[in-house]
Structures are given as C-alpha cells and as structure tokens.
Amino acid sequence: MQDSMIGVLGIRLCPTDDNTVKGTMPVNRNTSRPPGILNGGASLALAETLAGYGSYAILKSHTAAFGIQVSANHISLAHMGDRVVGIATPVHLGRSTHIWQVDITSEQTGKLVSSIRVVNFIANIPV
C-alpha cells in the first residue's frame, strides 16, 4: 500500500477491541499546506479511509462499500510535526448504507481537529 494514497499520506490503522476503527496520520509535507498546517483534504482522506475499512470489516461476501458523501467541520489546526488520530464510530449500519462519525484529534494537543460524517453505499457485486 506504500504506492497508494494511504501509503503516501502515511495513514496507519490501529487495532481496536470494539466496532470502531482507529488510524493515525502524520502532519508532514504530504499532508500539510502552507504555512505548515494540516490540509483539510488530508483529513477527509483519513476519514473516508477509516469509514471504508469499517464497512468492509462487517460486509458479507459479494458486497462492496463505496463512499457517496463526506461532510466535514474543521474545528482547530494541527501543525507540521504533529500526528492526528482518527476514530470512526458507526452511526447506522443498514443494508444499503453505512453512516460513520469520524473524529480527528491532534496527538500533541488533544484538541478536536475535524468532525466528519461519511456515508457509504453498500452494493451487491455480481459473482
């Protein structure tokens, strides 16, 4: 996955013992914008990655999850050298859609950086 967007952004998944999905991402030259603060688009990529992994972890065979809506509120800044932590929690796990709440916090300050809602469409894949 090093050549994928996940690899380039440095996203790492972390084990959890419940139905949440946790991941981290560094604030570095690949994820920041001038003047060295986390790019909002990188936060969206982290959120959609975590929600996607969450949906795939509970899907039945011959189904797939596709992100169809992402809505974010960026609340505070994360600076170069920081690492952000995202935790995705399921809000709704229906037959045709999954809704995830993803909260991203700064590891250095503990402050909420972004609050993001991701909706995944669950589709049957022909065999």
C-alpha atoms as a PDB file:
ATOM      1  CA  MET A   1       0.000   0.000   0.000  1.00  0.00           C
ATOM      2  CA  GLN A   2       3.057   2.267   0.008  1.00  0.00           C
ATOM      3  CA  ASP A   3       2.307   3.498  -3.540  1.00  0.00           C
ATOM      4  CA  SER A   4      -1.372   4.109  -2.776  1.00  0.00           C
ATOM      5  CA  MET A   5      -2.856   7.315  -1.383  1.00  0.00           C
ATOM      6  CA  ILE A   6      -2.975   5.661   2.038  1.00  0.00           C
ATOM      7  CA  GLY A   7       0.758   4.990   1.856  1.00  0.00           C
ATOM      8  CA  VAL A   8       1.685   8.430   0.540  1.00  0.00           C
ATOM      9  CA  LEU A   9      -0.317  10.115   3.309  1.00  0.00           C
ATOM     10  CA  GLY A  10       1.229   7.826   5.932  1.00  0.00           C
ATOM     11  CA  ILE A  11      -2.110   6.535   7.220  1.00  0.00           C
ATOM     12  CA  ARG A  12      -1.710   3.676   9.698  1.00  0.00           C
ATOM     13  CA  LEU A  13      -4.554   1.568  11.049  1.00  0.00           C
ATOM     14  CA  CYS A  14      -4.531   0.758  14.762  1.00  0.00           C
ATOM     15  CA  PRO A  15      -6.181  -2.258  16.390  1.00  0.00           C
ATOM     16  CA  THR A  16      -9.305  -1.699  18.466  1.00  0.00           C
ATOM     17  CA  ASP A  17     -11.336  -4.074  20.601  1.00  0.00           C
ATOM     18  CA  ASP A  18     -14.778  -2.816  19.629  1.00  0.00           C
ATOM     19  CA  ASN A  19     -16.636  -1.854  16.452  1.00  0.00           C
ATOM     20  CA  THR A  20     -14.713   1.403  15.991  1.00  0.00           C
ATOM     21  CA  VAL A  21     -11.864   1.916  13.532  1.00  0.00           C
ATOM     22  CA  LYS A  22      -8.789   3.892  14.576  1.00  0.00           C
ATOM     23  CA  GLY A  23      -5.969   5.271  12.477  1.00  0.00           C
ATOM     24  CA  THR A  24      -3.182   7.831  12.583  1.00  0.00           C
ATOM     25  CA  MET A  25      -1.658  10.183  10.032  1.00  0.00           C
ATOM     26  CA  PRO A  26       1.407  12.427  10.336  1.00  0.00           C
ATOM     27  CA  VAL A  27       1.263  16.123   9.611  1.00  0.00           C
ATOM     28  CA  ASN A  28       4.166  16.376   7.171  1.00  0.00           C
ATOM     29  CA  ARG A  29       4.923  17.705   3.682  1.00  0.00           C
ATOM     30  CA  ASN A  30       2.496  15.171   2.138  1.00  0.00           C
ATOM     31  CA  THR A  31      -0.451  16.162   4.336  1.00  0.00           C
ATOM     32  CA  SER A  32       0.096  19.863   5.007  1.00  0.00           C
ATOM     33  CA  ARG A  33      -0.391  23.161   3.263  1.00  0.00           C
ATOM     34  CA  PRO A  34       1.402  26.457   3.778  1.00  0.00           C
ATOM     35  CA  PRO A  35       2.164  27.599   6.448  1.00  0.00           C
ATOM     36  CA  GLY A  36       2.703  24.030   7.705  1.00  0.00           C
ATOM     37  CA  ILE A  37      -0.797  23.136   8.866  1.00  0.00           C
ATOM     38  CA  LEU A  38      -2.830  20.018   8.154  1.00  0.00           C
ATOM     39  CA  ASN A  39      -4.657  20.199   4.817  1.00  0.00           C
ATOM     40  CA  GLY A  40      -8.415  19.679   5.186  1.00  0.00           C
ATOM     41  CA  GLY A  41      -8.375  17.319   2.200  1.00  0.00           C
ATOM     42  CA  ALA A  42      -5.933  15.042   4.027  1.00  0.00           C
ATOM     43  CA  SER A  43      -8.351  14.930   6.963  1.00  0.00           C
ATOM     44  CA  LEU A  44     -11.131  13.913   4.571  1.00  0.00           C
ATOM     45  CA  ALA A  45      -8.923  11.179   3.108  1.00  0.00           C
ATOM     46  CA  LEU A  46      -8.206   9.819   6.600  1.00  0.00           C
ATOM     47  CA  ALA A  47     -11.909   9.860   7.493  1.00  0.00           C
ATOM     48  CA  GLU A  48     -13.040   8.126   4.306  1.00  0.00           C
ATOM     49  CA  THR A  49     -10.278   5.524   4.692  1.00  0.00           C
ATOM     50  CA  LEU A  50     -11.331   4.668   8.254  1.00  0.00           C
ATOM     51  CA  ALA A  51     -15.041   4.548   7.390  1.00  0.00           C
ATOM     52  CA  GLY A  52     -14.305   2.389   4.353  1.00  0.00           C
ATOM     53  CA  TYR A  53     -12.286  -0.095   6.394  1.00  0.00           C
ATOM     54  CA  GLY A  54     -15.057  -0.142   8.982  1.00  0.00           C
ATOM     55  CA  SER A  55     -17.696  -1.006   6.396  1.00  0.00           C
ATOM     56  CA  TYR A  56     -15.538  -3.652   4.720  1.00  0.00           C
ATOM     57  CA  ALA A  57     -14.873  -5.321   8.079  1.00  0.00           C
ATOM     58  CA  ILE A  58     -18.573  -6.106   8.523  1.00  0.00           C
ATOM     59  CA  LEU A  59     -19.648  -6.725   4.918  1.00  0.00           C
ATOM     60  CA  LYS A  60     -20.837 -10.067   3.630  1.00  0.00           C
ATOM     61  CA  SER A  61     -19.134 -11.658   0.647  1.00  0.00           C
ATOM     62  CA  HIS A  62     -20.088 -10.294  -2.772  1.00  0.00           C
ATOM     63  CA  THR A  63     -20.754  -6.800  -1.395  1.00  0.00           C
ATOM     64  CA  ALA A  64     -18.650  -3.649  -1.521  1.00  0.00           C
ATOM     65  CA  ALA A  65     -18.699  -0.229   0.113  1.00  0.00           C
ATOM     66  CA  PHE A  66     -18.430   2.996  -1.868  1.00  0.00           C
ATOM     67  CA  GLY A  67     -18.200   6.431  -0.271  1.00  0.00           C
ATOM     68  CA  ILE A  68     -21.078   8.586  -1.506  1.00  0.00           C
ATOM     69  CA  GLN A  69     -20.986  11.555   0.869  1.00  0.00           C
ATOM     70  CA  VAL A  70     -18.424  13.189   3.117  1.00  0.00           C
ATOM     71  CA  SER A  71     -19.270  16.225   5.249  1.00  0.00           C
ATOM     72  CA  ALA A  72     -16.688  17.904   7.459  1.00  0.00           C
ATOM     73  CA  ASN A  73     -16.355  20.610  10.050  1.00  0.00           C
ATOM     74  CA  HIS A  74     -12.735  21.661  10.581  1.00  0.00           C
ATOM     75  CA  ILE A  75     -12.513  22.996  14.105  1.00  0.00           C
ATOM     76  CA  SER A  76      -8.864  23.554  15.016  1.00  0.00           C
ATOM     77  CA  LEU A  77      -5.390  23.287  13.487  1.00  0.00           C
ATOM     78  CA  ALA A  78      -2.755  20.577  13.572  1.00  0.00           C
ATOM     79  CA  HIS A  79       0.779  21.744  12.785  1.00  0.00           C
ATOM     80  CA  MET A  80       3.761  20.239  10.987  1.00  0.00           C
ATOM     81  CA  GLY A  81       5.377  17.547  13.139  1.00  0.00           C
ATOM     82  CA  ASP A  82       2.113  16.621  14.864  1.00  0.00           C
ATOM     83  CA  ARG A  83       0.234  13.398  14.287  1.00  0.00           C
ATOM     84  CA  VAL A  84      -3.544  13.211  14.100  1.00  0.00           C
ATOM     85  CA  VAL A  85      -5.650  10.332  15.366  1.00  0.00           C
ATOM     86  CA  GLY A  86      -8.957   9.435  13.735  1.00  0.00           C
ATOM     87  CA  ILE A  87     -11.642   7.311  15.368  1.00  0.00           C
ATOM     88  CA  ALA A  88     -14.559   6.157  13.218  1.00  0.00           C
ATOM     89  CA  THR A  89     -17.727   5.092  15.020  1.00  0.00           C
ATOM     90  CA  PRO A  90     -20.736   3.571  13.255  1.00  0.00           C
ATOM     91  CA  VAL A  91     -23.915   5.642  13.476  1.00  0.00           C
ATOM     92  CA  HIS A  92     -26.071   3.473  11.181  1.00  0.00           C
ATOM     93  CA  LEU A  93     -25.267   0.068   9.686  1.00  0.00           C
ATOM     94  CA  GLY A  94     -28.111  -0.581   7.282  1.00  0.00           C
ATOM     95  CA  ARG A  95     -28.500  -2.968   4.395  1.00  0.00           C
ATOM     96  CA  SER A  96     -27.758  -0.371   1.704  1.00  0.00           C
ATOM     97  CA  THR A  97     -25.914   2.396   3.587  1.00  0.00           C
ATOM     98  CA  HIS A  98     -23.473   2.739   6.444  1.00  0.00           C
ATOM     99  CA  ILE A  99     -23.013   6.064   8.220  1.00  0.00           C
ATOM    100  CA  TRP A 100     -19.827   6.715  10.184  1.00  0.00           C
ATOM    101  CA  GLN A 101     -18.873   9.550  12.525  1.00  0.00           C
ATOM    102  CA  VAL A 102     -15.138  10.232  12.380  1.00  0.00           C
ATOM    103  CA  ASP A 103     -13.477  12.493  14.940  1.00  0.00           C
ATOM    104  CA  ILE A 104      -9.895  13.534  14.254  1.00  0.00           C
ATOM    105  CA  THR A 105      -7.800  14.900  17.118  1.00  0.00           C
ATOM    106  CA  SER A 106      -4.290  16.273  17.482  1.00  0.00           C
ATOM    107  CA  GLU A 107      -1.979  13.884  19.288  1.00  0.00           C
ATOM    108  CA  GLN A 108       0.061  16.840  20.632  1.00  0.00           C
ATOM    109  CA  THR A 109      -2.776  18.984  21.973  1.00  0.00           C
ATOM    110  CA  GLY A 110      -5.653  16.516  22.319  1.00  0.00           C
ATOM    111  CA  LYS A 111      -7.924  19.051  20.602  1.00  0.00           C
ATOM    112  CA  LEU A 112     -10.594  18.052  18.116  1.00  0.00           C
ATOM    113  CA  VAL A 113      -9.297  18.999  14.654  1.00  0.00           C
ATOM    114  CA  SER A 114     -12.172  17.788  12.455  1.00  0.00           C
ATOM    115  CA  SER A 115     -15.589  16.207  12.896  1.00  0.00           C
ATOM    116  CA  ILE A 116     -16.542  14.290   9.764  1.00  0.00           C
ATOM    117  CA  ARG A 117     -19.600  12.288   8.685  1.00  0.00           C
ATOM    118  CA  VAL A 118     -19.087   9.634   5.986  1.00  0.00           C
ATOM    119  CA  VAL A 119     -21.875   7.782   4.174  1.00  0.00           C
ATOM    120  CA  ASN A 120     -21.006   4.540   2.373  1.00  0.00           C
ATOM    121  CA  PHE A 121     -23.274   2.890  -0.180  1.00  0.00           C
ATOM    122  CA  ILE A 122     -23.344  -0.890   0.164  1.00  0.00           C
ATOM    123  CA  ALA A 123     -23.628  -2.574  -3.224  1.00  0.00           C
ATOM    124  CA  ASN A 124     -24.003  -6.173  -4.293  1.00  0.00           C
ATOM    125  CA  ILE A 125     -21.190  -7.273  -6.580  1.00  0.00           C
ATOM    126  CA  PRO A 126     -22.080  -9.784  -9.323  1.00  0.00           C
ATOM    127  CA  VAL A 127     -20.376 -13.136  -8.910  1.00  0.00           C
END
